[in-house]
Amino acid sequence: MLCAGAKAQTLTECGRSDGYAYYFSGGLVPAGKAGLQKDGIDGGRIILNFINNEFDLLIKDTTGTTRSVKQDSGKIYANKTTHGLIAVYREGAQATEEYVFQIDNSGNGTVVWTTVRTASDAINKVSLFTAQCRGPR
């Protein structure tokens, strides 16, 4: 799946994310609204790139902002996997996130990702999402 000699390659593009989040009370979350809730990012987008033998993620979040993890001074680590999975860990922006991609050689498949946010003045949560992915066009 990974082309060792390639300088830049988009491996997959993933769209809308669906899942669940546990919201902790505090900041913008009143005590009565804390707890486990269905969650999602309708206009979200995740693009997995492999550039100069390193992964990068382009992420479009709930605000509609698209950012590169690398350009946003975040750090990405590739985790050891088996059975054709690609797992990357991102830290920065008051959160840690882990993305696990199961895609075929064309880039079609699924991403499952988690967020742990515990240092925000606004919203702290732990979430689990899935999104469908397709190969680059």
Foldseek 3Di string as FASTA:
>chain_A
DDDQPDAKDWQKKWFKKWWKKAWDDAAQRHPVRGGIDTDIAHGWMWIWMQHNNDIWIWIQGNVRDTDICVVVVKDKDWDDDDDQKTKIWIDDPQKIKIWIFRADNQNWDKIKMWIAHDPDNHIGMIIIIMTTMGHDD
